[in-house]
Amino acid sequence: MIILFAIGIAAISCGGGGSDSGGCSYNGKTLHVGEKGGCYYVSSSGNKEYVDKKYCRTCY
């Protein structure tokens, strides 16, 4: 249960707030971690652009 809580906090701090936190950015874009663990940012056109998961390691 504690592990699930910690994972939830990490997902919120990385993907939800709209702020660039720590190492959760790629070329100036805020990174998000999807439900299945994919690492992406939202492009200026609104599309999800996926990047290598190694860029989201600090978001977990």
PDB file of N, CA and C in Angstrom:
ATOM      1  N   MET A   1       0.820  -1.185   0.000  1.00  0.00           N
ATOM      2  CA  MET A   1       0.000   0.000   0.000  1.00  0.00           C
ATOM      3  C   MET A   1       0.870   1.256   0.000  1.00  0.00           C
ATOM      4  N   ILE A   2       1.918   1.250   0.765  1.00  0.00           N
ATOM      5  CA  ILE A   2       2.818   2.406   0.801  1.00  0.00           C
ATOM      6  C   ILE A   2       3.479   2.606  -0.556  1.00  0.00           C
ATOM      7  N   ILE A   3       3.829   1.516  -1.221  1.00  0.00           N
ATOM      8  CA  ILE A   3       4.462   1.614  -2.534  1.00  0.00           C
ATOM      9  C   ILE A   3       3.508   2.269  -3.526  1.00  0.00           C
ATOM     10  N   LEU A   4       2.248   1.863  -3.527  1.00  0.00           N
ATOM     11  CA  LEU A   4       1.264   2.458  -4.427  1.00  0.00           C
ATOM     12  C   LEU A   4       1.102   3.951  -4.153  1.00  0.00           C
ATOM     13  N   PHE A   5       1.102   4.331  -2.902  1.00  0.00           N
ATOM     14  CA  PHE A   5       0.997   5.739  -2.532  1.00  0.00           C
ATOM     15  C   PHE A   5       2.200   6.515  -3.072  1.00  0.00           C
ATOM     16  N   ALA A   6       3.403   5.968  -2.915  1.00  0.00           N
ATOM     17  CA  ALA A   6       4.620   6.629  -3.394  1.00  0.00           C
ATOM     18  C   ALA A   6       4.609   6.763  -4.909  1.00  0.00           C
ATOM     19  N   ILE A   7       4.149   5.743  -5.613  1.00  0.00           N
ATOM     20  CA  ILE A   7       4.073   5.801  -7.068  1.00  0.00           C
ATOM     21  C   ILE A   7       3.078   6.877  -7.501  1.00  0.00           C
ATOM     22  N   GLY A   8       1.962   6.968  -6.803  1.00  0.00           N
ATOM     23  CA  GLY A   8       0.957   7.990  -7.114  1.00  0.00           C
ATOM     24  C   GLY A   8       1.497   9.388  -6.930  1.00  0.00           C
ATOM     25  N   ILE A   9       2.234   9.621  -5.858  1.00  0.00           N
ATOM     26  CA  ILE A   9       2.834  10.932  -5.612  1.00  0.00           C
ATOM     27  C   ILE A   9       3.840  11.264  -6.704  1.00  0.00           C
ATOM     28  N   ALA A  10       4.670  10.313  -7.100  1.00  0.00           N
ATOM     29  CA  ALA A  10       5.669  10.552  -8.140  1.00  0.00           C
ATOM     30  C   ALA A  10       4.999  10.887  -9.463  1.00  0.00           C
ATOM     31  N   ALA A  11       3.926  10.197  -9.809  1.00  0.00           N
ATOM     32  CA  ALA A  11       3.235  10.459 -11.073  1.00  0.00           C
ATOM     33  C   ALA A  11       2.612  11.842 -11.077  1.00  0.00           C
ATOM     34  N   ILE A  12       2.050  12.256  -9.953  1.00  0.00           N
ATOM     35  CA  ILE A  12       1.438  13.573  -9.879  1.00  0.00           C
ATOM     36  C   ILE A  12       2.491  14.660  -9.972  1.00  0.00           C
ATOM     37  N   SER A  13       3.613  14.489  -9.267  1.00  0.00           N
ATOM     38  CA  SER A  13       4.628  15.533  -9.265  1.00  0.00           C
ATOM     39  C   SER A  13       5.314  15.650 -10.620  1.00  0.00           C
ATOM     40  N   CYS A  14       5.357  14.580 -11.391  1.00  0.00           N
ATOM     41  CA  CYS A  14       6.014  14.646 -12.693  1.00  0.00           C
ATOM     42  C   CYS A  14       5.075  15.122 -13.779  1.00  0.00           C
ATOM     43  N   GLY A  15       3.894  14.589 -13.828  1.00  0.00           N
ATOM     44  CA  GLY A  15       3.069  14.818 -14.991  1.00  0.00           C
ATOM     45  C   GLY A  15       1.943  15.804 -14.853  1.00  0.00           C
ATOM     46  N   GLY A  16       1.534  16.142 -13.651  1.00  0.00           N
ATOM     47  CA  GLY A  16       0.285  16.850 -13.552  1.00  0.00           C
ATOM     48  C   GLY A  16       0.340  18.344 -13.420  1.00  0.00           C
ATOM     49  N   GLY A  17       1.312  18.892 -12.729  1.00  0.00           N
ATOM     50  CA  GLY A  17       1.231  20.270 -12.307  1.00  0.00           C
ATOM     51  C   GLY A  17       1.548  21.321 -13.334  1.00  0.00           C
ATOM     52  N   GLY A  18       2.168  20.966 -14.431  1.00  0.00           N
ATOM     53  CA  GLY A  18       2.512  21.956 -15.428  1.00  0.00           C
ATOM     54  C   GLY A  18       3.814  22.679 -15.138  1.00  0.00           C
ATOM     55  N   SER A  19       4.470  22.340 -14.043  1.00  0.00           N
ATOM     56  CA  SER A  19       5.741  22.982 -13.744  1.00  0.00           C
ATOM     57  C   SER A  19       6.875  22.030 -14.086  1.00  0.00           C
ATOM     58  N   ASP A  20       8.011  22.588 -14.442  1.00  0.00           N
ATOM     59  CA  ASP A  20       9.179  21.764 -14.735  1.00  0.00           C
ATOM     60  C   ASP A  20       9.812  21.372 -13.412  1.00  0.00           C
ATOM     61  N   SER A  21       9.663  20.119 -13.027  1.00  0.00           N
ATOM     62  CA  SER A  21      10.214  19.680 -11.754  1.00  0.00           C
ATOM     63  C   SER A  21      11.447  18.827 -11.990  1.00  0.00           C
ATOM     64  N   GLY A  22      12.523  19.188 -11.335  1.00  0.00           N
ATOM     65  CA  GLY A  22      13.746  18.404 -11.361  1.00  0.00           C
ATOM     66  C   GLY A  22      14.183  17.992 -12.747  1.00  0.00           C
ATOM     67  N   GLY A  23      14.390  16.685 -12.941  1.00  0.00           N
ATOM     68  CA  GLY A  23      14.845  16.182 -14.218  1.00  0.00           C
ATOM     69  C   GLY A  23      13.712  15.683 -15.095  1.00  0.00           C
ATOM     70  N   CYS A  24      12.521  16.166 -14.862  1.00  0.00           N
ATOM     71  CA  CYS A  24      11.362  15.688 -15.614  1.00  0.00           C
ATOM     72  C   CYS A  24      11.062  16.586 -16.804  1.00  0.00           C
ATOM     73  N   SER A  25      12.097  16.870 -17.577  1.00  0.00           N
ATOM     74  CA  SER A  25      11.888  17.675 -18.783  1.00  0.00           C
ATOM     75  C   SER A  25      12.793  17.163 -19.889  1.00  0.00           C
ATOM     76  N   TYR A  26      12.397  17.480 -21.111  1.00  0.00           N
ATOM     77  CA  TYR A  26      13.140  17.062 -22.292  1.00  0.00           C
ATOM     78  C   TYR A  26      13.072  18.216 -23.276  1.00  0.00           C
ATOM     79  N   ASN A  27      14.206  18.802 -23.597  1.00  0.00           N
ATOM     80  CA  ASN A  27      14.270  19.953 -24.497  1.00  0.00           C
ATOM     81  C   ASN A  27      13.301  21.062 -24.084  1.00  0.00           C
ATOM     82  N   GLY A  28      13.200  21.296 -22.783  1.00  0.00           N
ATOM     83  CA  GLY A  28      12.349  22.367 -22.281  1.00  0.00           C
ATOM     84  C   GLY A  28      10.878  22.012 -22.149  1.00  0.00           C
ATOM     85  N   LYS A  29      10.514  20.797 -22.497  1.00  0.00           N
ATOM     86  CA  LYS A  29       9.117  20.354 -22.397  1.00  0.00           C
ATOM     87  C   LYS A  29       8.942  19.506 -21.143  1.00  0.00           C
ATOM     88  N   THR A  30       7.830  19.678 -20.453  1.00  0.00           N
ATOM     89  CA  THR A  30       7.542  18.879 -19.271  1.00  0.00           C
ATOM     90  C   THR A  30       7.206  17.448 -19.678  1.00  0.00           C
ATOM     91  N   LEU A  31       7.865  16.496 -19.046  1.00  0.00           N
ATOM     92  CA  LEU A  31       7.624  15.083 -19.349  1.00  0.00           C
ATOM     93  C   LEU A  31       6.481  14.544 -18.509  1.00  0.00           C
ATOM     94  N   HIS A  32       5.776  13.590 -19.084  1.00  0.00           N
ATOM     95  CA  HIS A  32       4.678  12.915 -18.415  1.00  0.00           C
ATOM     96  C   HIS A  32       4.918  11.411 -18.516  1.00  0.00           C
ATOM     97  N   VAL A  33       4.448  10.680 -17.510  1.00  0.00           N
ATOM     98  CA  VAL A  33       4.529   9.222 -17.523  1.00  0.00           C
ATOM     99  C   VAL A  33       3.112   8.705 -17.676  1.00  0.00           C
ATOM    100  N   GLY A  34       2.868   7.953 -18.746  1.00  0.00           N
ATOM    101  CA  GLY A  34       1.542   7.421 -19.014  1.00  0.00           C
ATOM    102  C   GLY A  34       1.192   6.254 -18.125  1.00  0.00           C
ATOM    103  N   GLU A  35      -0.046   5.816 -18.223  1.00  0.00           N
ATOM    104  CA  GLU A  35      -0.548   4.714 -17.391  1.00  0.00           C
ATOM    105  C   GLU A  35       0.247   3.430 -17.578  1.00  0.00           C
ATOM    106  N   LYS A  36       0.760   3.210 -18.787  1.00  0.00           N
ATOM    107  CA  LYS A  36       1.520   1.986 -19.064  1.00  0.00           C
ATOM    108  C   LYS A  36       3.022   2.206 -18.952  1.00  0.00           C
ATOM    109  N   GLY A  37       3.442   3.376 -18.473  1.00  0.00           N
ATOM    110  CA  GLY A  37       4.853   3.644 -18.249  1.00  0.00           C
ATOM    111  C   GLY A  37       5.564   4.353 -19.375  1.00  0.00           C
ATOM    112  N   GLY A  38       4.848   4.736 -20.417  1.00  0.00           N
ATOM    113  CA  GLY A  38       5.464   5.475 -21.521  1.00  0.00           C
ATOM    114  C   GLY A  38       5.853   6.875 -21.089  1.00  0.00           C
ATOM    115  N   CYS A  39       6.907   7.395 -21.665  1.00  0.00           N
ATOM    116  CA  CYS A  39       7.436   8.714 -21.331  1.00  0.00           C
ATOM    117  C   CYS A  39       7.195   9.639 -22.519  1.00  0.00           C
ATOM    118  N   TYR A  40       6.490  10.743 -22.294  1.00  0.00           N
ATOM    119  CA  TYR A  40       6.150  11.615 -23.405  1.00  0.00           C
ATOM    120  C   TYR A  40       6.032  13.066 -22.961  1.00  0.00           C
ATOM    121  N   TYR A  41       6.006  13.959 -23.931  1.00  0.00           N
ATOM    122  CA  TYR A  41       5.653  15.358 -23.702  1.00  0.00           C
ATOM    123  C   TYR A  41       4.576  15.717 -24.708  1.00  0.00           C
ATOM    124  N   VAL A  42       3.878  16.799 -24.451  1.00  0.00           N
ATOM    125  CA  VAL A  42       2.821  17.242 -25.352  1.00  0.00           C
ATOM    126  C   VAL A  42       3.408  18.313 -26.261  1.00  0.00           C
ATOM    127  N   SER A  43       3.328  18.072 -27.572  1.00  0.00           N
ATOM    128  CA  SER A  43       3.888  19.013 -28.550  1.00  0.00           C
ATOM    129  C   SER A  43       3.015  20.262 -28.647  1.00  0.00           C
ATOM    130  N   SER A  44       3.517  21.260 -29.342  1.00  0.00           N
ATOM    131  CA  SER A  44       2.771  22.505 -29.507  1.00  0.00           C
ATOM    132  C   SER A  44       1.458  22.288 -30.256  1.00  0.00           C
ATOM    133  N   SER A  45       1.384  21.208 -31.044  1.00  0.00           N
ATOM    134  CA  SER A  45       0.147  20.898 -31.765  1.00  0.00           C
ATOM    135  C   SER A  45      -0.800  20.023 -30.942  1.00  0.00           C
ATOM    136  N   GLY A  46      -0.397  19.687 -29.702  1.00  0.00           N
ATOM    137  CA  GLY A  46      -1.254  18.913 -28.809  1.00  0.00           C
ATOM    138  C   GLY A  46      -1.083  17.414 -28.888  1.00  0.00           C
ATOM    139  N   ASN A  47      -0.121  16.947 -29.671  1.00  0.00           N
ATOM    140  CA  ASN A  47       0.121  15.508 -29.810  1.00  0.00           C
ATOM    141  C   ASN A  47       1.103  15.025 -28.754  1.00  0.00           C
ATOM    142  N   LYS A  48       0.959  13.772 -28.352  1.00  0.00           N
ATOM    143  CA  LYS A  48       1.920  13.158 -27.443  1.00  0.00           C
ATOM    144  C   LYS A  48       3.128  12.736 -28.261  1.00  0.00           C
ATOM    145  N   GLU A  49       4.289  13.210 -27.873  1.00  0.00           N
ATOM    146  CA  GLU A  49       5.549  12.844 -28.520  1.00  0.00           C
ATOM    147  C   GLU A  49       6.332  11.985 -27.533  1.00  0.00           C
ATOM    148  N   TYR A  50       6.492  10.716 -27.857  1.00  0.00           N
ATOM    149  CA  TYR A  50       7.152   9.787 -26.942  1.00  0.00           C
ATOM    150  C   TYR A  50       8.665   9.877 -27.070  1.00  0.00           C
ATOM    151  N   VAL A  51       9.339   9.790 -25.921  1.00  0.00           N
ATOM    152  CA  VAL A  51      10.798   9.791 -25.849  1.00  0.00           C
ATOM    153  C   VAL A  51      11.230   8.547 -25.086  1.00  0.00           C
ATOM    154  N   ASP A  52      12.508   8.261 -25.126  1.00  0.00           N
ATOM    155  CA  ASP A  52      13.056   7.102 -24.423  1.00  0.00           C
ATOM    156  C   ASP A  52      12.734   7.193 -22.928  1.00  0.00           C
ATOM    157  N   LYS A  53      12.382   6.061 -22.340  1.00  0.00           N
ATOM    158  CA  LYS A  53      12.002   6.019 -20.925  1.00  0.00           C
ATOM    159  C   LYS A  53      13.111   6.491 -19.992  1.00  0.00           C
ATOM    160  N   LYS A  54      14.350   6.455 -20.461  1.00  0.00           N
ATOM    161  CA  LYS A  54      15.456   6.872 -19.589  1.00  0.00           C
ATOM    162  C   LYS A  54      15.315   8.329 -19.162  1.00  0.00           C
ATOM    163  N   TYR A  55      14.614   9.138 -19.939  1.00  0.00           N
ATOM    164  CA  TYR A  55      14.431  10.539 -19.592  1.00  0.00           C
ATOM    165  C   TYR A  55      13.431  10.731 -18.459  1.00  0.00           C
ATOM    166  N   CYS A  56      12.635   9.708 -18.189  1.00  0.00           N
ATOM    167  CA  CYS A  56      11.638   9.797 -17.111  1.00  0.00           C
ATOM    168  C   CYS A  56      12.068   9.071 -15.844  1.00  0.00           C
ATOM    169  N   ARG A  57      13.269   8.609 -15.799  1.00  0.00           N
ATOM    170  CA  ARG A  57      13.721   7.852 -14.612  1.00  0.00           C
ATOM    171  C   ARG A  57      13.574   8.663 -13.337  1.00  0.00           C
ATOM    172  N   THR A  58      13.814   9.958 -13.394  1.00  0.00           N
ATOM    173  CA  THR A  58      13.723  10.768 -12.179  1.00  0.00           C
ATOM    174  C   THR A  58      12.284  11.133 -11.851  1.00  0.00           C
ATOM    175  N   CYS A  59      11.347  10.774 -12.706  1.00  0.00           N
ATOM    176  CA  CYS A  59       9.936  11.099 -12.467  1.00  0.00           C
ATOM    177  C   CYS A  59       9.220  10.033 -11.640  1.00  0.00           C
ATOM    178  N   TYR A  60       9.812   8.866 -11.503  1.00  0.00           N
ATOM    179  CA  TYR A  60       9.133   7.784 -10.795  1.00  0.00           C
ATOM    180  C   TYR A  60       9.215   7.944  -9.318  1.00  0.00           C
TER     181      TYR A  60
END
